[in-house]
PDB file of all heavy atoms in Angstrom:
ATOM      1  N   TYR A   1     -33.980  15.122 -17.636  1.00  0.00           N
ATOM      2  CA  TYR A   1     -34.094  16.362 -16.860  1.00  0.00           C
ATOM      3  C   TYR A   1     -35.552  16.448 -16.425  1.00  0.00           C
ATOM      4  O   TYR A   1     -36.459  16.494 -17.258  1.00  0.00           O
ATOM      5  CB  TYR A   1     -33.753  17.537 -17.771  1.00  0.00           C
ATOM      6  CG  TYR A   1     -33.583  18.856 -17.055  1.00  0.00           C
ATOM      7  CD1 TYR A   1     -32.536  19.067 -16.171  1.00  0.00           C
ATOM      8  CD2 TYR A   1     -34.474  19.908 -17.287  1.00  0.00           C
ATOM      9  CE1 TYR A   1     -32.372  20.284 -15.547  1.00  0.00           C
ATOM     10  CE2 TYR A   1     -34.317  21.129 -16.665  1.00  0.00           C
ATOM     11  CZ  TYR A   1     -33.256  21.324 -15.786  1.00  0.00           C
ATOM     12  OH  TYR A   1     -33.100  22.538 -15.166  1.00  0.00           O
ATOM     13  N   SER A   2     -35.789  16.372 -15.109  1.00  0.00           N
ATOM     14  CA  SER A   2     -37.146  16.141 -14.656  1.00  0.00           C
ATOM     15  C   SER A   2     -37.425  16.770 -13.304  1.00  0.00           C
ATOM     16  O   SER A   2     -36.550  16.867 -12.435  1.00  0.00           O
ATOM     17  CB  SER A   2     -37.395  14.625 -14.572  1.00  0.00           C
ATOM     18  OG  SER A   2     -38.641  14.329 -14.022  1.00  0.00           O
ATOM     19  N   GLN A   3     -38.656  17.213 -13.118  1.00  0.00           N
ATOM     20  CA  GLN A   3     -39.138  17.668 -11.824  1.00  0.00           C
ATOM     21  C   GLN A   3     -39.783  16.530 -11.047  1.00  0.00           C
ATOM     22  O   GLN A   3     -39.901  16.599  -9.834  1.00  0.00           O
ATOM     23  CB  GLN A   3     -40.172  18.789 -12.009  1.00  0.00           C
ATOM     24  CG  GLN A   3     -39.612  20.063 -12.627  1.00  0.00           C
ATOM     25  CD  GLN A   3     -40.728  21.021 -12.994  1.00  0.00           C
ATOM     26  OE1 GLN A   3     -41.548  20.737 -13.844  1.00  0.00           O
ATOM     27  NE2 GLN A   3     -40.745  22.170 -12.336  1.00  0.00           N
ATOM     28  N   SER A   4     -40.217  15.503 -11.752  1.00  0.00           N
ATOM     29  CA  SER A   4     -40.999  14.427 -11.141  1.00  0.00           C
ATOM     30  C   SER A   4     -40.265  13.099 -11.081  1.00  0.00           C
ATOM     31  O   SER A   4     -40.706  12.177 -10.405  1.00  0.00           O
ATOM     32  CB  SER A   4     -42.301  14.230 -11.923  1.00  0.00           C
ATOM     33  OG  SER A   4     -42.001  13.792 -13.241  1.00  0.00           O
ATOM     34  N   GLY A   5     -39.149  12.951 -11.773  1.00  0.00           N
ATOM     35  CA  GLY A   5     -38.456  11.678 -11.867  1.00  0.00           C
ATOM     36  C   GLY A   5     -38.822  10.924 -13.126  1.00  0.00           C
ATOM     37  O   GLY A   5     -38.160   9.965 -13.496  1.00  0.00           O
ATOM     38  N   GLY A   6     -39.896  11.371 -13.833  1.00  0.00           N
ATOM     39  CA  GLY A   6     -40.303  10.780 -15.103  1.00  0.00           C
ATOM     40  C   GLY A   6     -40.000  11.729 -16.234  1.00  0.00           C
ATOM     41  O   GLY A   6     -39.560  12.869 -16.043  1.00  0.00           O
ATOM     42  N   PHE A   7     -40.288  11.315 -17.458  1.00  0.00           N
ATOM     43  CA  PHE A   7     -39.976  12.089 -18.652  1.00  0.00           C
ATOM     44  C   PHE A   7     -40.788  13.375 -18.708  1.00  0.00           C
ATOM     45  O   PHE A   7     -41.985  13.374 -18.519  1.00  0.00           O
ATOM     46  CB  PHE A   7     -40.256  11.238 -19.907  1.00  0.00           C
ATOM     47  CG  PHE A   7     -40.075  12.004 -21.189  1.00  0.00           C
ATOM     48  CD1 PHE A   7     -38.800  12.343 -21.611  1.00  0.00           C
ATOM     49  CD2 PHE A   7     -41.153  12.373 -21.957  1.00  0.00           C
ATOM     50  CE1 PHE A   7     -38.613  13.047 -22.795  1.00  0.00           C
ATOM     51  CE2 PHE A   7     -40.988  13.083 -23.143  1.00  0.00           C
ATOM     52  CZ  PHE A   7     -39.714  13.411 -23.554  1.00  0.00           C
ATOM     53  N   GLN A   8     -40.092  14.495 -18.981  1.00  0.00           N
ATOM     54  CA  GLN A   8     -40.773  15.774 -19.132  1.00  0.00           C
ATOM     55  C   GLN A   8     -40.258  16.553 -20.338  1.00  0.00           C
ATOM     56  O   GLN A   8     -40.232  17.777 -20.324  1.00  0.00           O
ATOM     57  CB  GLN A   8     -40.594  16.623 -17.855  1.00  0.00           C
ATOM     58  CG  GLN A   8     -41.411  16.066 -16.693  1.00  0.00           C
ATOM     59  CD  GLN A   8     -41.427  17.012 -15.508  1.00  0.00           C
ATOM     60  OE1 GLN A   8     -40.524  16.976 -14.681  1.00  0.00           O
ATOM     61  NE2 GLN A   8     -42.436  17.833 -15.417  1.00  0.00           N
ATOM     62  N   GLY A   9     -39.835  15.811 -21.382  1.00  0.00           N
ATOM     63  CA  GLY A   9     -39.491  16.479 -22.620  1.00  0.00           C
ATOM     64  C   GLY A   9     -38.011  16.669 -22.870  1.00  0.00           C
ATOM     65  O   GLY A   9     -37.626  17.114 -23.949  1.00  0.00           O
ATOM     66  N   LEU A  10     -37.174  16.371 -21.887  1.00  0.00           N
ATOM     67  CA  LEU A  10     -35.729  16.550 -22.049  1.00  0.00           C
ATOM     68  C   LEU A  10     -35.004  15.265 -21.677  1.00  0.00           C
ATOM     69  O   LEU A  10     -35.056  14.821 -20.534  1.00  0.00           O
ATOM     70  CB  LEU A  10     -35.222  17.684 -21.152  1.00  0.00           C
ATOM     71  CG  LEU A  10     -35.745  19.092 -21.436  1.00  0.00           C
ATOM     72  CD1 LEU A  10     -35.322  20.039 -20.344  1.00  0.00           C
ATOM     73  CD2 LEU A  10     -35.235  19.579 -22.773  1.00  0.00           C
ATOM     74  N   SER A  11     -34.342  14.666 -22.647  1.00  0.00           N
ATOM     75  CA  SER A  11     -33.544  13.476 -22.376  1.00  0.00           C
ATOM     76  C   SER A  11     -32.202  13.634 -23.042  1.00  0.00           C
ATOM     77  O   SER A  11     -32.054  14.396 -24.006  1.00  0.00           O
ATOM     78  CB  SER A  11     -34.257  12.202 -22.857  1.00  0.00           C
ATOM     79  OG  SER A  11     -34.542  12.290 -24.246  1.00  0.00           O
ATOM     80  N   PHE A  12     -31.195  12.887 -22.531  1.00  0.00           N
ATOM     81  CA  PHE A  12     -29.840  13.069 -22.989  1.00  0.00           C
ATOM     82  C   PHE A  12     -29.205  11.714 -23.283  1.00  0.00           C
ATOM     83  O   PHE A  12     -29.338  10.776 -22.501  1.00  0.00           O
ATOM     84  CB  PHE A  12     -29.018  13.805 -21.923  1.00  0.00           C
ATOM     85  CG  PHE A  12     -29.579  15.168 -21.614  1.00  0.00           C
ATOM     86  CD1 PHE A  12     -30.530  15.329 -20.607  1.00  0.00           C
ATOM     87  CD2 PHE A  12     -29.186  16.291 -22.331  1.00  0.00           C
ATOM     88  CE1 PHE A  12     -31.058  16.571 -20.318  1.00  0.00           C
ATOM     89  CE2 PHE A  12     -29.716  17.539 -22.044  1.00  0.00           C
ATOM     90  CZ  PHE A  12     -30.650  17.690 -21.035  1.00  0.00           C
ATOM     91  N   ALA A  13     -28.519  11.653 -24.427  1.00  0.00           N
ATOM     92  CA  ALA A  13     -27.888  10.402 -24.869  1.00  0.00           C
ATOM     93  C   ALA A  13     -26.395  10.616 -25.080  1.00  0.00           C
ATOM     94  O   ALA A  13     -25.963  11.691 -25.521  1.00  0.00           O
ATOM     95  CB  ALA A  13     -28.526   9.914 -26.168  1.00  0.00           C
ATOM     96  N   ILE A  14     -25.615   9.598 -24.727  1.00  0.00           N
ATOM     97  CA  ILE A  14     -24.156   9.620 -24.937  1.00  0.00           C
ATOM     98  C   ILE A  14     -23.883   9.300 -26.411  1.00  0.00           C
ATOM     99  O   ILE A  14     -24.351   8.271 -26.914  1.00  0.00           O
ATOM    100  CB  ILE A  14     -23.464   8.573 -24.049  1.00  0.00           C
ATOM    101  CG1 ILE A  14     -23.797   8.825 -22.584  1.00  0.00           C
ATOM    102  CG2 ILE A  14     -21.960   8.568 -24.285  1.00  0.00           C
ATOM    103  CD1 ILE A  14     -23.513   7.641 -21.687  1.00  0.00           C
ATOM    104  N   PRO A  15     -23.179  10.130 -27.148  1.00  0.00           N
ATOM    105  CA  PRO A  15     -22.881   9.836 -28.561  1.00  0.00           C
ATOM    106  C   PRO A  15     -22.205   8.480 -28.698  1.00  0.00           C
ATOM    107  O   PRO A  15     -21.349   8.110 -27.894  1.00  0.00           O
ATOM    108  CB  PRO A  15     -21.957  10.974 -28.984  1.00  0.00           C
ATOM    109  CG  PRO A  15     -22.280  12.106 -28.035  1.00  0.00           C
ATOM    110  CD  PRO A  15     -22.602  11.424 -26.729  1.00  0.00           C
ATOM    111  N   ILE A  16     -22.580   7.750 -29.733  1.00  0.00           N
ATOM    112  CA  ILE A  16     -22.079   6.397 -29.893  1.00  0.00           C
ATOM    113  C   ILE A  16     -20.573   6.368 -30.173  1.00  0.00           C
ATOM    114  O   ILE A  16     -19.887   5.420 -29.799  1.00  0.00           O
ATOM    115  CB  ILE A  16     -22.845   5.635 -31.015  1.00  0.00           C
ATOM    116  CG1 ILE A  16     -22.537   4.127 -30.979  1.00  0.00           C
ATOM    117  CG2 ILE A  16     -22.556   6.223 -32.369  1.00  0.00           C
ATOM    118  CD1 ILE A  16     -22.946   3.434 -29.720  1.00  0.00           C
ATOM    119  N   ASP A  17     -20.016   7.426 -30.791  1.00  0.00           N
ATOM    120  CA  ASP A  17     -18.578   7.405 -31.050  1.00  0.00           C
ATOM    121  C   ASP A  17     -17.794   7.492 -29.728  1.00  0.00           C
ATOM    122  O   ASP A  17     -16.728   6.895 -29.601  1.00  0.00           O
ATOM    123  CB  ASP A  17     -18.164   8.528 -32.006  1.00  0.00           C
ATOM    124  CG  ASP A  17     -18.619   9.902 -31.545  1.00  0.00           C
ATOM    125  OD1 ASP A  17     -19.452   9.997 -30.614  1.00  0.00           O
ATOM    126  OD2 ASP A  17     -18.150  10.909 -32.131  1.00  0.00           O
ATOM    127  N   VAL A  18     -18.348   8.215 -28.738  1.00  0.00           N
ATOM    128  CA  VAL A  18     -17.731   8.240 -27.420  1.00  0.00           C
ATOM    129  C   VAL A  18     -17.770   6.840 -26.810  1.00  0.00           C
ATOM    130  O   VAL A  18     -16.775   6.355 -26.246  1.00  0.00           O
ATOM    131  CB  VAL A  18     -18.462   9.255 -26.499  1.00  0.00           C
ATOM    132  CG1 VAL A  18     -17.950   9.144 -25.062  1.00  0.00           C
ATOM    133  CG2 VAL A  18     -18.297  10.667 -27.033  1.00  0.00           C
ATOM    134  N   ALA A  19     -18.929   6.197 -26.897  1.00  0.00           N
ATOM    135  CA  ALA A  19     -19.095   4.863 -26.310  1.00  0.00           C
ATOM    136  C   ALA A  19     -18.173   3.842 -26.961  1.00  0.00           C
ATOM    137  O   ALA A  19     -17.618   2.968 -26.284  1.00  0.00           O
ATOM    138  CB  ALA A  19     -20.552   4.420 -26.442  1.00  0.00           C
ATOM    139  N   LEU A  20     -17.967   3.952 -28.277  1.00  0.00           N
ATOM    140  CA  LEU A  20     -17.129   2.970 -28.983  1.00  0.00           C
ATOM    141  C   LEU A  20     -15.662   3.104 -28.577  1.00  0.00           C
ATOM    142  O   LEU A  20     -14.940   2.096 -28.470  1.00  0.00           O
ATOM    143  CB  LEU A  20     -17.276   3.111 -30.490  1.00  0.00           C
ATOM    144  CG  LEU A  20     -18.648   2.713 -31.049  1.00  0.00           C
ATOM    145  CD1 LEU A  20     -18.694   3.003 -32.549  1.00  0.00           C
ATOM    146  CD2 LEU A  20     -18.944   1.254 -30.779  1.00  0.00           C
ATOM    147  N   LYS A  21     -15.205   4.322 -28.356  1.00  0.00           N
ATOM    148  CA  LYS A  21     -13.818   4.513 -27.891  1.00  0.00           C
ATOM    149  C   LYS A  21     -13.618   3.838 -26.543  1.00  0.00           C
ATOM    150  O   LYS A  21     -12.604   3.171 -26.308  1.00  0.00           O
ATOM    151  CB  LYS A  21     -13.488   5.997 -27.785  1.00  0.00           C
ATOM    152  CG  LYS A  21     -13.317   6.703 -29.124  1.00  0.00           C
ATOM    153  CD  LYS A  21     -12.929   8.169 -28.913  1.00  0.00           C
ATOM    154  CE  LYS A  21     -12.737   8.863 -30.254  1.00  0.00           C
ATOM    155  NZ  LYS A  21     -12.378  10.295 -30.064  1.00  0.00           N
ATOM    156  N   VAL A  22     -14.580   4.020 -25.661  1.00  0.00           N
ATOM    157  CA  VAL A  22     -14.493   3.401 -24.345  1.00  0.00           C
ATOM    158  C   VAL A  22     -14.578   1.885 -24.468  1.00  0.00           C
ATOM    159  O   VAL A  22     -13.832   1.128 -23.819  1.00  0.00           O
ATOM    160  CB  VAL A  22     -15.596   3.949 -23.411  1.00  0.00           C
ATOM    161  CG1 VAL A  22     -15.633   3.187 -22.092  1.00  0.00           C
ATOM    162  CG2 VAL A  22     -15.378   5.437 -23.151  1.00  0.00           C
ATOM    163  N   LYS A  23     -15.518   1.417 -25.293  1.00  0.00           N
ATOM    164  CA  LYS A  23     -15.697  -0.025 -25.495  1.00  0.00           C
ATOM    165  C   LYS A  23     -14.404  -0.689 -25.975  1.00  0.00           C
ATOM    166  O   LYS A  23     -13.989  -1.736 -25.472  1.00  0.00           O
ATOM    167  CB  LYS A  23     -16.834  -0.269 -26.490  1.00  0.00           C
ATOM    168  CG  LYS A  23     -17.138  -1.733 -26.764  1.00  0.00           C
ATOM    169  CD  LYS A  23     -16.407  -2.323 -27.965  1.00  0.00           C
ATOM    170  CE  LYS A  23     -16.881  -1.712 -29.260  1.00  0.00           C
ATOM    171  NZ  LYS A  23     -16.198  -2.356 -30.437  1.00  0.00           N
ATOM    172  N   ASP A  24     -13.736  -0.067 -26.944  1.00  0.00           N
ATOM    173  CA  ASP A  24     -12.516  -0.660 -27.498  1.00  0.00           C
ATOM    174  C   ASP A  24     -11.429  -0.775 -26.436  1.00  0.00           C
ATOM    175  O   ASP A  24     -10.701  -1.763 -26.371  1.00  0.00           O
ATOM    176  CB  ASP A  24     -12.011   0.176 -28.679  1.00  0.00           C
ATOM    177  CG  ASP A  24     -12.885   0.025 -29.901  1.00  0.00           C
ATOM    178  OD1 ASP A  24     -13.697  -0.918 -29.939  1.00  0.00           O
ATOM    179  OD2 ASP A  24     -12.783   0.860 -30.834  1.00  0.00           O
ATOM    180  N   GLN A  25     -11.324   0.250 -25.583  1.00  0.00           N
ATOM    181  CA  GLN A  25     -10.309   0.204 -24.517  1.00  0.00           C
ATOM    182  C   GLN A  25     -10.635  -0.887 -23.495  1.00  0.00           C
ATOM    183  O   GLN A  25      -9.744  -1.632 -23.056  1.00  0.00           O
ATOM    184  CB  GLN A  25     -10.236   1.554 -23.795  1.00  0.00           C
ATOM    185  CG  GLN A  25      -9.648   2.670 -24.643  1.00  0.00           C
ATOM    186  CD  GLN A  25      -9.468   3.935 -23.813  1.00  0.00           C
ATOM    187  OE1 GLN A  25      -8.682   3.966 -22.858  1.00  0.00           O
ATOM    188  NE2 GLN A  25     -10.189   4.987 -24.163  1.00  0.00           N
ATOM    189  N   ILE A  26     -11.912  -0.993 -23.127  1.00  0.00           N
ATOM    190  CA  ILE A  26     -12.308  -1.995 -22.134  1.00  0.00           C
ATOM    191  C   ILE A  26     -12.101  -3.398 -22.679  1.00  0.00           C
ATOM    192  O   ILE A  26     -11.601  -4.293 -21.965  1.00  0.00           O
ATOM    193  CB  ILE A  26     -13.767  -1.767 -21.700  1.00  0.00           C
ATOM    194  CG1 ILE A  26     -13.844  -0.523 -20.806  1.00  0.00           C
ATOM    195  CG2 ILE A  26     -14.312  -2.980 -20.953  1.00  0.00           C
ATOM    196  CD1 ILE A  26     -15.254  -0.131 -20.409  1.00  0.00           C
ATOM    197  N   VAL A  27     -12.481  -3.644 -23.925  1.00  0.00           N
ATOM    198  CA  VAL A  27     -12.310  -4.972 -24.516  1.00  0.00           C
ATOM    199  C   VAL A  27     -10.818  -5.333 -24.582  1.00  0.00           C
ATOM    200  O   VAL A  27     -10.432  -6.489 -24.344  1.00  0.00           O
ATOM    201  CB  VAL A  27     -12.943  -5.027 -25.923  1.00  0.00           C
ATOM    202  CG1 VAL A  27     -12.532  -6.304 -26.667  1.00  0.00           C
ATOM    203  CG2 VAL A  27     -14.460  -4.955 -25.817  1.00  0.00           C
ATOM    204  N   ALA A  28      -9.968  -4.343 -24.886  1.00  0.00           N
ATOM    205  CA  ALA A  28      -8.554  -4.621 -25.038  1.00  0.00           C
ATOM    206  C   ALA A  28      -7.823  -4.747 -23.695  1.00  0.00           C
ATOM    207  O   ALA A  28      -6.934  -5.599 -23.556  1.00  0.00           O
ATOM    208  CB  ALA A  28      -7.889  -3.509 -25.870  1.00  0.00           C
ATOM    209  N   THR A  29      -8.187  -3.907 -22.719  1.00  0.00           N
ATOM    210  CA  THR A  29      -7.388  -3.844 -21.486  1.00  0.00           C
ATOM    211  C   THR A  29      -8.181  -4.024 -20.203  1.00  0.00           C
ATOM    212  O   THR A  29      -7.607  -4.105 -19.125  1.00  0.00           O
ATOM    213  CB  THR A  29      -6.651  -2.492 -21.390  1.00  0.00           C
ATOM    214  OG1 THR A  29      -7.618  -1.444 -21.216  1.00  0.00           O
ATOM    215  CG2 THR A  29      -5.846  -2.208 -22.648  1.00  0.00           C
ATOM    216  N   GLY A  30      -9.531  -4.024 -20.282  1.00  0.00           N
ATOM    217  CA  GLY A  30     -10.335  -4.128 -19.080  1.00  0.00           C
ATOM    218  C   GLY A  30     -10.639  -2.802 -18.427  1.00  0.00           C
ATOM    219  O   GLY A  30     -11.345  -2.757 -17.423  1.00  0.00           O
ATOM    220  N   ARG A  31     -10.178  -1.706 -18.983  1.00  0.00           N
ATOM    221  CA  ARG A  31     -10.425  -0.395 -18.405  1.00  0.00           C
ATOM    222  C   ARG A  31     -10.376   0.685 -19.489  1.00  0.00           C
ATOM    223  O   ARG A  31      -9.945   0.436 -20.608  1.00  0.00           O
ATOM    224  CB  ARG A  31      -9.371  -0.052 -17.346  1.00  0.00           C
ATOM    225  CG  ARG A  31      -7.953  -0.062 -17.875  1.00  0.00           C
ATOM    226  CD  ARG A  31      -6.982   0.654 -16.966  1.00  0.00           C
ATOM    227  NE  ARG A  31      -7.260   2.076 -16.938  1.00  0.00           N
ATOM    228  CZ  ARG A  31      -6.598   2.937 -16.176  1.00  0.00           C
ATOM    229  NH1 ARG A  31      -5.660   2.514 -15.351  1.00  0.00           N
ATOM    230  NH2 ARG A  31      -6.892   4.212 -16.209  1.00  0.00           N
ATOM    231  N   ALA A  32     -10.831   1.863 -19.143  1.00  0.00           N
ATOM    232  CA  ALA A  32     -10.732   3.003 -20.029  1.00  0.00           C
ATOM    233  C   ALA A  32      -9.922   4.074 -19.354  1.00  0.00           C
ATOM    234  O   ALA A  32     -10.010   4.280 -18.144  1.00  0.00           O
ATOM    235  CB  ALA A  32     -12.128   3.546 -20.377  1.00  0.00           C
ATOM    236  N   SER A  33      -9.083   4.768 -20.109  1.00  0.00           N
ATOM    237  CA  SER A  33      -8.274   5.852 -19.544  1.00  0.00           C
ATOM    238  C   SER A  33      -8.625   7.166 -20.260  1.00  0.00           C
ATOM    239  O   SER A  33      -9.007   7.175 -21.418  1.00  0.00           O
ATOM    240  CB  SER A  33      -6.787   5.545 -19.695  1.00  0.00           C
ATOM    241  OG  SER A  33      -6.446   5.361 -21.063  1.00  0.00           O
ATOM    242  N   HIS A  34      -8.471   8.258 -19.536  1.00  0.00           N
ATOM    243  CA  HIS A  34      -8.812   9.579 -20.070  1.00  0.00           C
ATOM    244  C   HIS A  34      -7.688  10.538 -19.788  1.00  0.00           C
ATOM    245  O   HIS A  34      -7.024  10.465 -18.736  1.00  0.00           O
ATOM    246  CB  HIS A  34     -10.103  10.085 -19.431  1.00  0.00           C
ATOM    247  CG  HIS A  34     -11.277   9.174 -19.638  1.00  0.00           C
ATOM    248  ND1 HIS A  34     -12.031   9.195 -20.787  1.00  0.00           N
ATOM    249  CD2 HIS A  34     -11.785   8.178 -18.874  1.00  0.00           C
ATOM    250  CE1 HIS A  34     -12.981   8.286 -20.700  1.00  0.00           C
ATOM    251  NE2 HIS A  34     -12.839   7.644 -19.545  1.00  0.00           N
TER     252      HIS A  34
END
């Protein structure tokens, strides 16, 4: 979250459990469904 395009104290990360669910679907089928 930035006014300048660089870091200004607010950053956001995707929780790893969300990423692992997507990863497992992609490895198994080539895609993720929601």
